[in-house]
Amino acid sequence: MVHLTLEFGYGTMRGGLELLFQSVKTHHVDVPEKNGEKQLTIGALLFWIRDNLLKERPEMFMKGNSVRPGLLVLINDCDWELCGQLEATLEEKDNVVFISTLHGG
C-alpha cells in the first residue's frame, strides 16, 4: 500500500472538479500496488481513483487511460509531464493534485 494525499483543486481554487468526488477536495488514501508490482504509477492511480473515489460522471475525469483534456496534474507540485506522465512512479506520502483549467483552475 502507498499512502497518498489527493487534492481536487489547488489552494482556494476549486474549478468544480471536487464535485465529482462528493464535494470533498482532499482525500488521504492508501492505494495498493497493482498485481504485486513494487511501484505504483500515476496511470494505475487514475484507474484506482475512478473505481474507488469517483462518484459520478467518469468521463469528466478520464478519457481513455488518462485524464481528460483540461486537467492539470501535479505530483509534489511538479507538472506530471516532467515526471513521466502515466509512467511516473508514486512514493509514500506523495501529494497528487488535479486542477481543472477549464473552470478557472
N, C-alpha and C. Protein backbone atom coordinates (compact mmCIF):
# COMPACT_ATOMS: atom_id res chain seq x y z
N MET A 1 0.84 -1.18 0.00
CA MET A 1 0.00 0.00 0.00
C MET A 1 0.88 1.25 0.00
N VAL A 2 0.41 2.24 -0.73
CA VAL A 2 1.10 3.52 -0.77
C VAL A 2 0.14 4.59 -0.25
N HIS A 3 0.54 5.30 0.80
CA HIS A 3 -0.30 6.35 1.37
C HIS A 3 -0.06 7.64 0.59
N LEU A 4 -1.14 8.22 0.05
CA LEU A 4 -1.06 9.43 -0.76
C LEU A 4 -2.07 10.45 -0.30
N THR A 5 -1.81 11.70 -0.61
CA THR A 5 -2.80 12.76 -0.46
C THR A 5 -3.21 13.18 -1.86
N LEU A 6 -4.51 13.13 -2.12
CA LEU A 6 -5.05 13.53 -3.41
C LEU A 6 -5.87 14.80 -3.21
N GLU A 7 -5.66 15.77 -4.07
CA GLU A 7 -6.41 17.02 -3.99
C GLU A 7 -7.06 17.31 -5.34
N PHE A 8 -8.30 17.75 -5.28
CA PHE A 8 -9.04 18.11 -6.48
C PHE A 8 -9.31 19.61 -6.41
N GLY A 9 -8.39 20.38 -6.99
CA GLY A 9 -8.34 21.83 -6.86
C GLY A 9 -7.02 22.17 -6.20
N TYR A 10 -6.68 23.45 -6.13
CA TYR A 10 -5.39 23.84 -5.57
C TYR A 10 -5.58 25.05 -4.68
N GLY A 11 -5.19 24.95 -3.43
CA GLY A 11 -5.37 26.06 -2.50
C GLY A 11 -6.84 26.41 -2.40
N THR A 12 -7.15 27.66 -2.63
CA THR A 12 -8.55 28.08 -2.57
C THR A 12 -9.25 27.93 -3.92
N MET A 13 -8.49 27.59 -4.97
CA MET A 13 -9.08 27.37 -6.29
C MET A 13 -9.76 26.02 -6.32
N ARG A 14 -10.96 25.99 -6.81
CA ARG A 14 -11.69 24.73 -6.87
C ARG A 14 -11.90 24.28 -8.30
N GLY A 15 -12.58 25.05 -9.10
CA GLY A 15 -12.77 24.70 -10.51
C GLY A 15 -13.88 23.70 -10.76
N GLY A 16 -14.48 23.14 -9.73
CA GLY A 16 -15.61 22.24 -9.90
C GLY A 16 -15.27 20.77 -9.92
N LEU A 17 -14.00 20.42 -10.05
CA LEU A 17 -13.62 19.01 -10.13
C LEU A 17 -14.01 18.24 -8.87
N GLU A 18 -13.95 18.89 -7.71
CA GLU A 18 -14.28 18.22 -6.45
C GLU A 18 -15.74 17.76 -6.41
N LEU A 19 -16.59 18.35 -7.25
CA LEU A 19 -18.00 17.96 -7.27
C LEU A 19 -18.18 16.50 -7.71
N LEU A 20 -17.23 15.99 -8.49
CA LEU A 20 -17.28 14.59 -8.91
C LEU A 20 -16.93 13.64 -7.76
N PHE A 21 -16.40 14.21 -6.68
CA PHE A 21 -15.95 13.41 -5.53
C PHE A 21 -16.70 13.82 -4.27
N GLN A 22 -18.01 13.99 -4.41
CA GLN A 22 -18.91 14.36 -3.32
C GLN A 22 -18.48 15.66 -2.62
N SER A 23 -17.95 16.59 -3.39
CA SER A 23 -17.51 17.91 -2.91
C SER A 23 -16.40 17.84 -1.87
N VAL A 24 -15.69 16.73 -1.82
CA VAL A 24 -14.55 16.59 -0.92
C VAL A 24 -13.30 16.91 -1.73
N LYS A 25 -12.58 17.95 -1.29
CA LYS A 25 -11.42 18.41 -2.03
C LYS A 25 -10.16 17.58 -1.76
N THR A 26 -9.94 17.19 -0.52
CA THR A 26 -8.72 16.47 -0.15
C THR A 26 -9.05 15.08 0.36
N HIS A 27 -8.33 14.09 -0.17
CA HIS A 27 -8.51 12.70 0.23
C HIS A 27 -7.16 12.13 0.65
N HIS A 28 -7.12 11.49 1.81
CA HIS A 28 -5.93 10.75 2.25
C HIS A 28 -6.25 9.29 2.02
N VAL A 29 -5.48 8.65 1.13
CA VAL A 29 -5.83 7.30 0.69
C VAL A 29 -4.63 6.36 0.79
N ASP A 30 -4.95 5.08 0.89
CA ASP A 30 -3.96 4.01 0.81
C ASP A 30 -4.27 3.21 -0.44
N VAL A 31 -3.36 3.23 -1.40
CA VAL A 31 -3.59 2.61 -2.70
C VAL A 31 -2.69 1.39 -2.84
N PRO A 32 -3.27 0.22 -3.13
CA PRO A 32 -2.43 -0.97 -3.31
C PRO A 32 -1.69 -0.92 -4.64
N GLU A 33 -0.50 -1.49 -4.66
CA GLU A 33 0.22 -1.62 -5.91
C GLU A 33 -0.54 -2.64 -6.77
N LYS A 34 -0.51 -2.45 -8.07
CA LYS A 34 -1.27 -3.29 -9.00
C LYS A 34 -0.59 -4.64 -9.21
N ASN A 35 -1.35 -5.70 -9.00
CA ASN A 35 -0.90 -7.08 -9.28
C ASN A 35 0.49 -7.39 -8.75
N GLY A 36 0.77 -6.99 -7.52
CA GLY A 36 2.03 -7.32 -6.90
C GLY A 36 3.22 -6.50 -7.39
N GLU A 37 2.99 -5.50 -8.22
CA GLU A 37 4.10 -4.67 -8.68
C GLU A 37 4.67 -3.91 -7.50
N LYS A 38 5.95 -3.59 -7.57
CA LYS A 38 6.61 -2.93 -6.45
C LYS A 38 6.40 -1.42 -6.44
N GLN A 39 5.99 -0.86 -7.57
CA GLN A 39 5.80 0.60 -7.63
C GLN A 39 4.41 0.91 -8.17
N LEU A 40 3.86 1.99 -7.66
CA LEU A 40 2.57 2.49 -8.11
C LEU A 40 2.80 3.61 -9.11
N THR A 41 2.20 3.52 -10.27
CA THR A 41 2.32 4.58 -11.27
C THR A 41 1.08 5.48 -11.22
N ILE A 42 1.22 6.67 -11.75
CA ILE A 42 0.08 7.58 -11.81
C ILE A 42 -1.01 6.99 -12.70
N GLY A 43 -0.61 6.24 -13.74
CA GLY A 43 -1.59 5.59 -14.61
C GLY A 43 -2.47 4.62 -13.83
N ALA A 44 -1.85 3.81 -12.98
CA ALA A 44 -2.61 2.87 -12.14
C ALA A 44 -3.46 3.64 -11.13
N LEU A 45 -2.94 4.74 -10.61
CA LEU A 45 -3.68 5.55 -9.65
C LEU A 45 -4.96 6.10 -10.28
N LEU A 46 -4.90 6.53 -11.53
CA LEU A 46 -6.09 7.08 -12.18
C LEU A 46 -7.24 6.07 -12.19
N PHE A 47 -6.92 4.82 -12.53
CA PHE A 47 -7.96 3.79 -12.54
C PHE A 47 -8.45 3.49 -11.12
N TRP A 48 -7.55 3.53 -10.14
CA TRP A 48 -7.96 3.32 -8.75
C TRP A 48 -8.91 4.44 -8.32
N ILE A 49 -8.59 5.67 -8.67
CA ILE A 49 -9.46 6.81 -8.34
C ILE A 49 -10.82 6.61 -8.99
N ARG A 50 -10.83 6.26 -10.26
CA ARG A 50 -12.10 6.05 -10.98
C ARG A 50 -12.95 4.98 -10.30
N ASP A 51 -12.31 3.89 -9.89
CA ASP A 51 -13.06 2.76 -9.34
C ASP A 51 -13.40 2.91 -7.86
N ASN A 52 -12.67 3.76 -7.13
CA ASN A 52 -12.85 3.82 -5.68
C ASN A 52 -13.30 5.17 -5.11
N LEU A 53 -13.01 6.26 -5.79
CA LEU A 53 -13.37 7.58 -5.26
C LEU A 53 -14.41 8.31 -6.09
N LEU A 54 -14.34 8.17 -7.39
CA LEU A 54 -15.21 8.91 -8.29
C LEU A 54 -16.66 8.48 -8.09
N LYS A 55 -17.52 9.44 -7.85
CA LYS A 55 -18.91 9.13 -7.54
C LYS A 55 -19.85 9.31 -8.73
N GLU A 56 -19.46 10.10 -9.71
CA GLU A 56 -20.33 10.32 -10.86
C GLU A 56 -19.53 10.82 -12.05
N ARG A 57 -20.07 10.65 -13.23
CA ARG A 57 -19.55 11.19 -14.48
C ARG A 57 -18.06 10.95 -14.71
N PRO A 58 -17.65 9.70 -14.83
CA PRO A 58 -16.22 9.41 -15.03
C PRO A 58 -15.64 10.06 -16.28
N GLU A 59 -16.48 10.35 -17.27
CA GLU A 59 -15.99 10.99 -18.50
C GLU A 59 -15.51 12.42 -18.25
N MET A 60 -15.88 13.00 -17.12
CA MET A 60 -15.41 14.33 -16.78
C MET A 60 -14.03 14.30 -16.12
N PHE A 61 -13.58 13.11 -15.75
CA PHE A 61 -12.28 12.96 -15.11
C PHE A 61 -11.28 12.24 -16.02
N MET A 62 -11.73 11.19 -16.69
CA MET A 62 -10.83 10.40 -17.51
C MET A 62 -11.31 10.32 -18.95
N LYS A 63 -10.35 10.22 -19.85
CA LYS A 63 -10.62 9.93 -21.25
C LYS A 63 -9.63 8.85 -21.67
N GLY A 64 -10.15 7.68 -21.97
CA GLY A 64 -9.28 6.53 -22.26
C GLY A 64 -8.55 6.12 -20.99
N ASN A 65 -7.24 6.05 -21.05
CA ASN A 65 -6.46 5.64 -19.88
C ASN A 65 -5.76 6.81 -19.19
N SER A 66 -6.17 8.05 -19.54
CA SER A 66 -5.53 9.23 -18.97
C SER A 66 -6.59 10.20 -18.45
N VAL A 67 -6.15 11.33 -17.93
CA VAL A 67 -7.10 12.36 -17.53
C VAL A 67 -7.62 13.03 -18.79
N ARG A 68 -8.80 13.61 -18.69
CA ARG A 68 -9.37 14.28 -19.86
C ARG A 68 -8.59 15.57 -20.13
N PRO A 69 -8.64 16.04 -21.37
CA PRO A 69 -8.00 17.33 -21.67
C PRO A 69 -8.57 18.42 -20.78
N GLY A 70 -7.71 19.32 -20.35
CA GLY A 70 -8.14 20.40 -19.48
C GLY A 70 -7.87 20.16 -18.01
N LEU A 71 -7.30 19.00 -17.69
CA LEU A 71 -6.91 18.72 -16.31
C LEU A 71 -5.39 18.77 -16.19
N LEU A 72 -4.93 19.56 -15.26
CA LEU A 72 -3.51 19.66 -14.95
C LEU A 72 -3.25 18.74 -13.77
N VAL A 73 -2.20 17.93 -13.85
CA VAL A 73 -1.84 17.01 -12.78
C VAL A 73 -0.48 17.41 -12.23
N LEU A 74 -0.42 17.60 -10.92
CA LEU A 74 0.84 17.92 -10.24
C LEU A 74 1.18 16.79 -9.28
N ILE A 75 2.43 16.37 -9.30
CA ILE A 75 2.94 15.39 -8.35
C ILE A 75 3.96 16.12 -7.49
N ASN A 76 3.64 16.30 -6.22
CA ASN A 76 4.51 17.07 -5.32
C ASN A 76 4.84 18.44 -5.93
N ASP A 77 3.82 19.12 -6.44
CA ASP A 77 3.92 20.46 -7.03
C ASP A 77 4.72 20.52 -8.33
N CYS A 78 4.95 19.39 -8.95
CA CYS A 78 5.66 19.34 -10.24
C CYS A 78 4.71 18.81 -11.30
N ASP A 79 4.67 19.47 -12.45
CA ASP A 79 3.82 19.05 -13.56
C ASP A 79 4.15 17.61 -13.93
N TRP A 80 3.12 16.78 -14.02
CA TRP A 80 3.35 15.36 -14.29
C TRP A 80 4.02 15.12 -15.63
N GLU A 81 3.93 16.07 -16.56
CA GLU A 81 4.59 15.92 -17.84
C GLU A 81 6.11 15.89 -17.68
N LEU A 82 6.62 16.52 -16.63
CA LEU A 82 8.05 16.50 -16.35
C LEU A 82 8.47 15.25 -15.59
N CYS A 83 7.49 14.53 -15.07
CA CYS A 83 7.76 13.33 -14.24
C CYS A 83 7.55 12.03 -14.99
N GLY A 84 7.07 12.09 -16.24
CA GLY A 84 6.85 10.87 -17.00
C GLY A 84 5.39 10.55 -17.25
N GLN A 85 4.50 11.47 -16.98
CA GLN A 85 3.05 11.32 -17.18
C GLN A 85 2.55 10.01 -16.58
N LEU A 86 1.90 9.16 -17.37
CA LEU A 86 1.27 7.95 -16.85
C LEU A 86 2.25 6.98 -16.21
N GLU A 87 3.52 7.04 -16.62
CA GLU A 87 4.53 6.13 -16.08
C GLU A 87 5.23 6.67 -14.83
N ALA A 88 4.90 7.88 -14.43
CA ALA A 88 5.52 8.46 -13.24
C ALA A 88 5.22 7.58 -12.03
N THR A 89 6.25 7.29 -11.25
CA THR A 89 6.04 6.44 -10.06
C THR A 89 5.76 7.31 -8.85
N LEU A 90 4.90 6.78 -8.00
CA LEU A 90 4.49 7.47 -6.79
C LEU A 90 5.12 6.80 -5.59
N GLU A 91 5.44 7.60 -4.60
CA GLU A 91 6.06 7.09 -3.38
C GLU A 91 5.21 7.45 -2.18
N GLU A 92 5.49 6.79 -1.09
CA GLU A 92 4.79 7.03 0.17
C GLU A 92 4.73 8.52 0.49
N LYS A 93 3.54 8.99 0.84
CA LYS A 93 3.27 10.37 1.26
C LYS A 93 3.37 11.40 0.14
N ASP A 94 3.36 10.96 -1.12
CA ASP A 94 3.32 11.91 -2.22
C ASP A 94 1.99 12.65 -2.21
N ASN A 95 2.01 13.84 -2.79
CA ASN A 95 0.81 14.67 -2.93
C ASN A 95 0.51 14.81 -4.42
N VAL A 96 -0.69 14.40 -4.82
CA VAL A 96 -1.10 14.48 -6.22
C VAL A 96 -2.29 15.43 -6.30
N VAL A 97 -2.16 16.45 -7.14
CA VAL A 97 -3.19 17.48 -7.28
C VAL A 97 -3.73 17.46 -8.69
N PHE A 98 -5.05 17.51 -8.81
CA PHE A 98 -5.73 17.59 -10.08
C PHE A 98 -6.44 18.94 -10.15
N ILE A 99 -6.13 19.72 -11.19
CA ILE A 99 -6.69 21.07 -11.33
C ILE A 99 -7.40 21.17 -12.67
N SER A 100 -8.66 21.57 -12.64
CA SER A 100 -9.39 21.81 -13.86
C SER A 100 -9.01 23.19 -14.38
N THR A 101 -8.48 23.22 -15.60
CA THR A 101 -8.12 24.51 -16.20
C THR A 101 -9.27 25.08 -17.00
N LEU A 102 -10.36 24.34 -17.12
CA LEU A 102 -11.49 24.79 -17.92
C LEU A 102 -12.50 25.60 -17.11
N HIS A 103 -12.36 25.58 -15.80
CA HIS A 103 -13.31 26.28 -14.94
C HIS A 103 -12.59 27.19 -13.95
N GLY A 104 -11.64 27.93 -14.43
CA GLY A 104 -10.94 28.90 -13.59
C GLY A 104 -9.85 28.32 -12.74
N GLY A 105 -9.40 27.07 -13.07
CA GLY A 105 -8.38 26.39 -12.27
C GLY A 105 -7.04 27.05 -12.34
